């Protein structure tokens, strides 16, 4: 059974940092491409970034480029999203998503507010 479980969200002040985790079971992370997506209140899903299979090539949305970094720990079968210089506009529920099947977890809430 495929499971993706996001964690690490919370309340952070503008300019702060968080690291989100996505624990994966049911498939091996290194052989698939994975994305992070987010959904702000009242809005649709927004793609944040993707890491490809194998070589860890990453690509990001312009809105987060230079501030967010996707990585993975193959031994732990866990995907990460490191978020720096957070802005109120980054407030959303964040999901990890497998690229080919769009399987995703239940998400973790990130709130950026003073």
N, C-alpha and C. Protein backbone atom coordinates (compact mmCIF):
# COMPACT_ATOMS: atom_id res chain seq x y z
N UNK A 1 0.85 -1.19 0.00
CA UNK A 1 0.00 0.00 0.00
C UNK A 1 0.89 1.25 0.00
N UNK A 2 0.59 2.15 -0.89
CA UNK A 2 1.34 3.40 -0.99
C UNK A 2 0.84 4.36 0.09
N UNK A 3 1.79 4.91 0.84
CA UNK A 3 1.45 5.92 1.84
C UNK A 3 2.47 7.05 1.78
N UNK A 4 1.97 8.28 1.88
CA UNK A 4 2.82 9.46 1.98
C UNK A 4 2.32 10.26 3.18
N UNK A 5 3.22 10.57 4.08
CA UNK A 5 2.83 11.27 5.30
C UNK A 5 3.71 12.49 5.47
N UNK A 6 3.07 13.66 5.32
CA UNK A 6 3.78 14.92 5.47
C UNK A 6 3.79 15.34 6.94
N UNK A 7 4.85 16.04 7.33
CA UNK A 7 4.96 16.58 8.69
C UNK A 7 5.91 17.76 8.69
N UNK A 8 5.96 18.47 9.81
CA UNK A 8 6.90 19.56 9.96
C UNK A 8 6.33 20.95 9.81
N UNK A 9 5.05 21.03 9.49
CA UNK A 9 4.43 22.34 9.36
C UNK A 9 4.25 23.02 10.70
N UNK A 10 3.79 24.27 10.65
CA UNK A 10 3.56 25.01 11.88
C UNK A 10 3.41 26.48 11.61
N UNK A 11 3.44 27.25 12.68
CA UNK A 11 3.36 28.71 12.62
C UNK A 11 4.77 29.28 12.71
N UNK A 12 5.10 30.16 11.77
CA UNK A 12 6.43 30.76 11.75
C UNK A 12 6.28 32.23 11.36
N UNK A 13 7.18 33.04 11.87
CA UNK A 13 7.15 34.47 11.55
C UNK A 13 7.74 34.73 10.16
N UNK A 14 7.34 35.80 9.53
CA UNK A 14 7.95 36.16 8.24
C UNK A 14 9.47 36.22 8.36
N UNK A 15 10.14 35.67 7.36
CA UNK A 15 11.59 35.59 7.39
C UNK A 15 12.12 34.33 8.02
N UNK A 16 11.26 33.55 8.64
CA UNK A 16 11.68 32.33 9.30
C UNK A 16 11.84 31.16 8.36
N UNK A 17 12.15 30.01 8.94
CA UNK A 17 12.42 28.79 8.17
C UNK A 17 11.66 27.61 8.76
N UNK A 18 11.38 26.66 7.89
CA UNK A 18 10.80 25.38 8.29
C UNK A 18 11.35 24.31 7.37
N UNK A 19 11.37 23.08 7.86
CA UNK A 19 11.70 21.95 7.01
C UNK A 19 10.55 20.94 7.09
N UNK A 20 9.93 20.71 5.95
CA UNK A 20 8.86 19.73 5.87
C UNK A 20 9.44 18.37 5.48
N UNK A 21 8.80 17.33 5.97
CA UNK A 21 9.19 15.95 5.64
C UNK A 21 8.01 15.22 5.02
N UNK A 22 8.34 14.26 4.18
CA UNK A 22 7.32 13.39 3.56
C UNK A 22 7.86 11.96 3.65
N UNK A 23 7.33 11.21 4.59
CA UNK A 23 7.73 9.81 4.76
C UNK A 23 6.94 8.95 3.80
N UNK A 24 7.65 8.18 3.01
CA UNK A 24 7.03 7.40 1.95
C UNK A 24 7.14 5.91 2.24
N UNK A 25 6.08 5.17 1.99
CA UNK A 25 6.11 3.72 2.06
C UNK A 25 5.31 3.16 0.89
N UNK A 26 5.65 1.94 0.49
CA UNK A 26 4.95 1.31 -0.63
C UNK A 26 5.67 1.45 -1.96
N UNK A 27 6.66 2.30 -2.03
CA UNK A 27 7.52 2.40 -3.20
C UNK A 27 8.85 3.00 -2.77
N UNK A 28 9.85 2.87 -3.65
CA UNK A 28 11.19 3.37 -3.34
C UNK A 28 11.36 4.75 -3.92
N UNK A 29 11.70 5.69 -3.06
CA UNK A 29 11.71 7.10 -3.44
C UNK A 29 12.70 7.41 -4.56
N UNK A 30 13.83 6.78 -4.58
CA UNK A 30 14.89 7.16 -5.52
C UNK A 30 14.51 6.87 -6.97
N UNK A 31 13.56 5.96 -7.20
CA UNK A 31 13.24 5.59 -8.58
C UNK A 31 12.08 6.38 -9.15
N UNK A 32 11.55 7.33 -8.39
CA UNK A 32 10.42 8.10 -8.89
C UNK A 32 10.72 9.59 -8.77
N UNK A 33 10.05 10.38 -9.57
CA UNK A 33 10.08 11.82 -9.43
C UNK A 33 9.00 12.24 -8.44
N UNK A 34 9.34 13.20 -7.61
CA UNK A 34 8.41 13.66 -6.58
C UNK A 34 8.28 15.17 -6.63
N UNK A 35 7.11 15.65 -6.31
CA UNK A 35 6.85 17.08 -6.26
C UNK A 35 6.33 17.48 -4.89
N UNK A 36 6.49 18.76 -4.61
CA UNK A 36 5.76 19.40 -3.52
C UNK A 36 4.75 20.34 -4.19
N UNK A 37 3.54 20.32 -3.67
CA UNK A 37 2.51 21.24 -4.12
C UNK A 37 1.88 21.86 -2.88
N UNK A 38 1.18 22.96 -3.06
CA UNK A 38 0.56 23.62 -1.91
C UNK A 38 -0.79 24.19 -2.30
N UNK A 39 -1.62 24.37 -1.30
CA UNK A 39 -2.94 24.96 -1.52
C UNK A 39 -3.20 26.00 -0.45
N UNK A 40 -3.25 27.25 -0.89
CA UNK A 40 -3.54 28.36 0.00
C UNK A 40 -5.05 28.44 0.22
N UNK A 41 -5.48 29.08 1.30
CA UNK A 41 -6.92 29.19 1.57
C UNK A 41 -7.67 29.80 0.41
N UNK A 42 -8.70 29.12 -0.06
CA UNK A 42 -9.53 29.63 -1.12
C UNK A 42 -8.94 29.55 -2.52
N UNK A 43 -7.80 28.88 -2.66
CA UNK A 43 -7.14 28.80 -3.96
C UNK A 43 -6.93 27.35 -4.37
N UNK A 44 -6.56 27.14 -5.62
CA UNK A 44 -6.29 25.80 -6.12
C UNK A 44 -4.88 25.34 -5.77
N UNK A 45 -4.59 24.14 -6.18
CA UNK A 45 -3.26 23.60 -5.94
C UNK A 45 -2.21 24.34 -6.76
N UNK A 46 -1.09 24.64 -6.14
CA UNK A 46 0.02 25.31 -6.81
C UNK A 46 1.25 24.43 -6.74
N UNK A 47 1.86 24.19 -7.88
CA UNK A 47 3.09 23.42 -7.91
C UNK A 47 4.21 24.25 -7.30
N UNK A 48 5.01 23.62 -6.43
CA UNK A 48 6.12 24.29 -5.76
C UNK A 48 7.45 23.88 -6.38
N UNK A 49 7.64 22.59 -6.59
CA UNK A 49 8.90 22.12 -7.16
C UNK A 49 8.91 20.62 -7.32
N UNK A 50 9.90 20.14 -8.06
CA UNK A 50 10.01 18.71 -8.37
C UNK A 50 11.46 18.28 -8.28
N UNK A 51 11.67 17.07 -7.80
CA UNK A 51 12.98 16.44 -7.83
C UNK A 51 12.85 15.19 -8.68
N UNK A 52 13.79 15.01 -9.61
CA UNK A 52 13.63 13.88 -10.51
C UNK A 52 14.15 12.61 -9.85
N UNK A 53 13.97 11.49 -10.53
CA UNK A 53 14.48 10.22 -10.01
C UNK A 53 15.98 10.15 -10.24
N UNK A 54 16.67 9.46 -9.39
CA UNK A 54 18.08 9.19 -9.61
C UNK A 54 19.01 10.32 -9.24
N UNK A 55 19.15 11.32 -10.14
CA UNK A 55 20.26 12.27 -10.01
C UNK A 55 19.96 13.50 -9.18
N UNK A 56 18.78 13.60 -8.61
CA UNK A 56 18.43 14.73 -7.74
C UNK A 56 18.41 16.06 -8.47
N UNK A 57 18.09 16.07 -9.72
CA UNK A 57 17.86 17.34 -10.42
C UNK A 57 16.56 17.93 -9.90
N UNK A 58 16.59 19.24 -9.58
CA UNK A 58 15.41 19.89 -9.04
C UNK A 58 15.02 21.09 -9.88
N UNK A 59 13.74 21.41 -9.85
CA UNK A 59 13.21 22.58 -10.53
C UNK A 59 12.13 23.18 -9.65
N UNK A 60 12.03 24.52 -9.65
CA UNK A 60 11.15 25.20 -8.71
C UNK A 60 10.28 26.23 -9.41
N UNK A 61 9.15 26.50 -8.80
CA UNK A 61 8.31 27.61 -9.24
C UNK A 61 9.05 28.92 -8.97
N UNK A 62 8.79 29.91 -9.81
CA UNK A 62 9.46 31.21 -9.66
C UNK A 62 9.19 31.82 -8.28
N UNK A 63 8.01 31.55 -7.74
CA UNK A 63 7.62 32.17 -6.46
C UNK A 63 8.46 31.67 -5.29
N UNK A 64 9.13 30.52 -5.44
CA UNK A 64 9.91 29.98 -4.33
C UNK A 64 11.38 29.79 -4.68
N UNK A 65 11.74 30.03 -5.91
CA UNK A 65 13.12 29.80 -6.35
C UNK A 65 14.09 30.62 -5.52
N UNK A 66 15.15 29.97 -5.06
CA UNK A 66 16.14 30.65 -4.24
C UNK A 66 15.83 30.62 -2.76
N UNK A 67 14.60 30.25 -2.41
CA UNK A 67 14.21 30.20 -1.00
C UNK A 67 13.92 28.78 -0.53
N UNK A 68 13.39 27.94 -1.43
CA UNK A 68 13.01 26.57 -1.07
C UNK A 68 13.97 25.58 -1.72
N UNK A 69 14.22 24.48 -1.02
CA UNK A 69 15.09 23.43 -1.53
C UNK A 69 14.47 22.06 -1.27
N UNK A 70 14.38 21.27 -2.33
CA UNK A 70 13.87 19.89 -2.20
C UNK A 70 15.05 18.94 -2.15
N UNK A 71 14.96 17.98 -1.24
CA UNK A 71 16.00 16.96 -1.15
C UNK A 71 15.35 15.66 -0.69
N UNK A 72 16.14 14.60 -0.65
CA UNK A 72 15.60 13.33 -0.15
C UNK A 72 16.71 12.52 0.51
N UNK A 73 16.28 11.70 1.45
CA UNK A 73 17.16 10.76 2.12
C UNK A 73 16.72 9.37 1.67
N UNK A 74 17.51 8.76 0.80
CA UNK A 74 17.10 7.49 0.23
C UNK A 74 17.08 6.38 1.28
N UNK A 75 17.96 6.47 2.25
CA UNK A 75 17.99 5.46 3.31
C UNK A 75 16.73 5.48 4.16
N UNK A 76 16.19 6.68 4.35
CA UNK A 76 14.97 6.82 5.15
C UNK A 76 13.72 6.85 4.28
N UNK A 77 13.92 6.82 2.96
CA UNK A 77 12.78 6.91 2.02
C UNK A 77 11.90 8.11 2.35
N UNK A 78 12.56 9.24 2.57
CA UNK A 78 11.88 10.46 3.00
C UNK A 78 12.28 11.63 2.10
N UNK A 79 11.29 12.40 1.74
CA UNK A 79 11.47 13.61 0.93
C UNK A 79 11.39 14.82 1.86
N UNK A 80 12.14 15.87 1.52
CA UNK A 80 12.15 17.06 2.36
C UNK A 80 11.88 18.31 1.51
N UNK A 81 11.38 19.33 2.19
CA UNK A 81 11.27 20.65 1.60
C UNK A 81 11.78 21.65 2.64
N UNK A 82 12.96 22.20 2.39
CA UNK A 82 13.50 23.23 3.28
C UNK A 82 13.05 24.57 2.77
N UNK A 83 12.40 25.34 3.64
CA UNK A 83 11.84 26.63 3.27
C UNK A 83 12.49 27.72 4.09
N UNK A 84 13.14 28.65 3.42
CA UNK A 84 13.78 29.79 4.07
C UNK A 84 13.09 31.08 3.65
N UNK A 85 13.36 32.13 4.38
CA UNK A 85 12.82 33.46 4.06
C UNK A 85 11.32 33.39 3.79
N UNK A 86 10.61 32.75 4.67
CA UNK A 86 9.18 32.55 4.46
C UNK A 86 8.42 33.86 4.47
N UNK A 87 7.39 33.91 3.64
CA UNK A 87 6.55 35.10 3.47
C UNK A 87 5.11 34.72 3.79
N UNK A 88 4.28 35.70 4.17
CA UNK A 88 2.87 35.39 4.43
C UNK A 88 2.20 34.68 3.25
N UNK A 89 2.64 35.00 2.04
CA UNK A 89 2.08 34.38 0.84
C UNK A 89 2.40 32.89 0.73
N UNK A 90 3.32 32.40 1.55
CA UNK A 90 3.63 30.97 1.56
C UNK A 90 2.67 30.17 2.44
N UNK A 91 1.78 30.84 3.13
CA UNK A 91 0.79 30.16 3.97
C UNK A 91 -0.08 29.24 3.12
N UNK A 92 -0.09 27.98 3.46
CA UNK A 92 -0.82 26.98 2.67
C UNK A 92 -0.71 25.62 3.35
N UNK A 93 -1.49 24.68 2.85
CA UNK A 93 -1.29 23.27 3.18
C UNK A 93 -0.33 22.71 2.13
N UNK A 94 0.71 22.07 2.58
CA UNK A 94 1.74 21.55 1.69
C UNK A 94 1.61 20.03 1.58
N UNK A 95 1.69 19.56 0.34
CA UNK A 95 1.58 18.13 0.06
C UNK A 95 2.79 17.66 -0.74
N UNK A 96 3.25 16.44 -0.46
CA UNK A 96 4.18 15.80 -1.37
C UNK A 96 3.35 14.92 -2.32
N UNK A 97 3.82 14.82 -3.55
CA UNK A 97 3.03 14.12 -4.56
C UNK A 97 3.94 13.36 -5.51
N UNK A 98 3.60 12.09 -5.75
CA UNK A 98 4.35 11.29 -6.71
C UNK A 98 3.94 11.75 -8.11
N UNK A 99 4.92 11.98 -8.97
CA UNK A 99 4.66 12.67 -10.24
C UNK A 99 3.78 11.86 -11.18
N UNK A 100 4.00 10.57 -11.29
CA UNK A 100 3.29 9.81 -12.32
C UNK A 100 1.88 9.43 -11.90
N UNK A 101 1.66 9.17 -10.63
CA UNK A 101 0.34 8.74 -10.17
C UNK A 101 -0.43 9.85 -9.46
N UNK A 102 0.24 10.92 -9.11
CA UNK A 102 -0.33 12.01 -8.33
C UNK A 102 -0.76 11.57 -6.94
N UNK A 103 -0.28 10.43 -6.47
CA UNK A 103 -0.56 10.02 -5.09
C UNK A 103 0.02 11.06 -4.14
N UNK A 104 -0.71 11.41 -3.12
CA UNK A 104 -0.22 12.40 -2.18
C UNK A 104 -0.75 12.10 -0.79
N UNK A 105 -0.16 12.76 0.20
CA UNK A 105 -0.61 12.56 1.56
C UNK A 105 -1.72 13.52 1.94
N UNK A 106 -1.93 13.65 3.24
CA UNK A 106 -3.00 14.52 3.74
C UNK A 106 -2.53 15.95 3.93
N UNK A 107 -1.23 16.18 3.82
CA UNK A 107 -0.72 17.53 3.89
C UNK A 107 -0.33 17.98 5.28
N UNK A 108 0.43 19.07 5.32
CA UNK A 108 0.82 19.69 6.58
C UNK A 108 0.65 21.20 6.44
N UNK A 109 0.08 21.82 7.45
CA UNK A 109 -0.25 23.25 7.39
C UNK A 109 0.97 24.09 7.73
N UNK A 110 1.24 25.06 6.88
CA UNK A 110 2.27 26.07 7.14
C UNK A 110 1.59 27.43 7.20
N UNK A 111 1.79 28.14 8.29
CA UNK A 111 1.23 29.47 8.47
C UNK A 111 2.36 30.44 8.76
N UNK A 112 2.46 31.46 7.92
CA UNK A 112 3.50 32.48 8.08
C UNK A 112 2.81 33.77 8.52
N UNK A 113 3.04 34.17 9.75
CA UNK A 113 2.35 35.33 10.29
C UNK A 113 3.12 35.88 11.48
N UNK A 114 3.03 37.19 11.64
CA UNK A 114 3.64 37.81 12.81
C UNK A 114 2.63 37.95 13.94
